[in-house]
Amino acid sequence: MRIATISSKGQITIPKAFQNMMNVEYGSKVMLYPHKNILMIKPLKSSIVEQTAGSLKKYVDPKKLGIPFPKVRSETQRLAATELAKKYE
C-alpha cells in the first residue's frame, strides 16, 4: 500500500513500482472507475489506429491534409474509374 497526494491540478502520481506492475509508462492511457468506495485504475491497450496514427504523415502531400472524407472518397472513386476505363479500352 502506498499513499499518494492529489496536486492542486487534481493529479496523482502513480509510483514507479505500480507503473511497472501494470506495464504502463509515460503517455499510456488508463481507465479510472469507482468500485464501492475504491478508485480502480485499469491500463488500456491502444488500438492499432492509435499505435499507427500519424505514421504515414510523411507520405501525404501537406496541401491535402484536412480535406473532408467525402471529397477524398469521390476523388478516389474518380481516379479508380479512370484507371479501369484505361484498362478496358
Protein backbone atom coordinates (compact mmCIF):
# COMPACT_ATOMS: atom_id res chain seq x y z
CA MET A 1 0.00 0.00 0.00
CA ARG A 2 1.27 3.47 -0.87
CA ILE A 3 -0.04 6.94 -0.07
CA ALA A 4 -0.33 9.47 -2.89
CA THR A 5 -1.11 13.18 -2.71
CA ILE A 6 -3.54 14.92 -5.02
CA SER A 7 -1.91 18.01 -6.57
CA SER A 8 -3.55 21.42 -6.94
CA LYS A 9 -4.45 20.36 -10.50
CA GLY A 10 -6.18 17.18 -9.27
CA GLN A 11 -3.34 14.95 -10.43
CA ILE A 12 -1.95 11.86 -8.72
CA THR A 13 1.45 10.35 -9.48
CA ILE A 14 1.40 6.58 -9.81
CA PRO A 15 4.51 5.20 -8.07
CA LYS A 16 7.04 3.64 -10.46
CA ALA A 17 6.67 0.19 -8.88
CA PHE A 18 2.93 0.22 -9.70
CA GLN A 19 3.58 1.51 -13.21
CA ASN A 20 5.94 -1.42 -13.76
CA MET A 21 3.40 -3.91 -12.35
CA MET A 22 0.67 -2.54 -14.65
CA ASN A 23 3.08 -2.27 -17.62
CA VAL A 24 2.31 1.41 -18.21
CA GLU A 25 4.69 4.23 -18.99
CA TYR A 26 4.63 7.94 -19.79
CA GLY A 27 1.78 8.66 -22.21
CA SER A 28 -0.08 5.40 -21.54
CA LYS A 29 -3.86 5.56 -21.21
CA VAL A 30 -5.62 4.21 -18.14
CA MET A 31 -9.29 3.93 -17.27
CA LEU A 32 -10.45 5.10 -13.85
CA TYR A 33 -13.67 3.87 -12.35
CA PRO A 34 -15.17 3.77 -8.88
CA HIS A 35 -15.96 0.48 -7.18
CA LYS A 36 -17.83 0.97 -3.93
CA ASN A 37 -15.50 3.32 -2.02
CA ILE A 38 -12.38 2.50 -4.07
CA LEU A 39 -10.93 4.14 -7.19
CA MET A 40 -9.86 1.45 -9.65
CA ILE A 41 -7.21 2.01 -12.35
CA LYS A 42 -7.11 -0.23 -15.41
CA PRO A 43 -4.44 0.09 -18.13
CA LEU A 44 -5.84 0.45 -21.65
CA LYS A 45 -4.20 -1.25 -24.56
CA SER A 46 -4.07 1.13 -27.51
CA SER A 47 -5.75 0.20 -30.76
CA ILE A 48 -3.85 -0.33 -33.99
CA VAL A 49 -5.23 3.03 -35.13
CA GLU A 50 -3.74 4.80 -32.11
CA GLN A 51 -0.45 2.94 -32.49
CA THR A 52 -0.07 3.95 -36.13
CA ALA A 53 -1.70 7.38 -36.04
CA GLY A 54 0.48 9.88 -37.83
CA SER A 55 3.00 7.28 -39.03
CA LEU A 56 2.03 7.80 -42.68
CA LYS A 57 2.07 11.59 -42.47
CA LYS A 58 5.47 11.79 -44.20
CA TYR A 59 3.89 10.20 -47.31
CA VAL A 60 0.99 12.66 -47.55
CA ASP A 61 1.17 15.89 -49.51
CA PRO A 62 0.74 18.63 -46.84
CA LYS A 63 -1.61 20.51 -49.21
CA LYS A 64 -4.02 17.57 -49.00
CA LEU A 65 -4.26 17.41 -45.20
CA GLY A 66 -7.63 18.47 -43.80
CA ILE A 67 -9.65 17.53 -46.90
CA PRO A 68 -13.10 16.21 -45.89
CA PHE A 69 -13.52 12.45 -46.27
CA PRO A 70 -16.43 12.61 -48.76
CA LYS A 71 -14.24 14.65 -51.11
CA VAL A 72 -11.37 12.16 -50.73
CA ARG A 73 -13.75 9.26 -51.42
CA SER A 74 -15.22 10.85 -54.56
CA GLU A 75 -11.76 11.73 -55.90
CA THR A 76 -10.56 8.17 -55.21
CA GLN A 77 -13.60 6.73 -56.99
CA ARG A 78 -13.00 9.03 -59.97
CA LEU A 79 -9.33 8.01 -60.21
CA ALA A 80 -10.20 4.30 -59.88
CA ALA A 81 -12.86 4.59 -62.59
CA THR A 82 -10.38 6.34 -64.88
CA GLU A 83 -7.78 3.59 -64.33
CA LEU A 84 -10.37 0.86 -65.01
CA ALA A 85 -11.56 2.61 -68.15
CA LYS A 86 -7.96 2.75 -69.48
CA LYS A 87 -7.52 -0.94 -68.72
CA TYR A 88 -10.52 -1.97 -70.86
CA GLU A 89 -10.05 0.44 -73.79
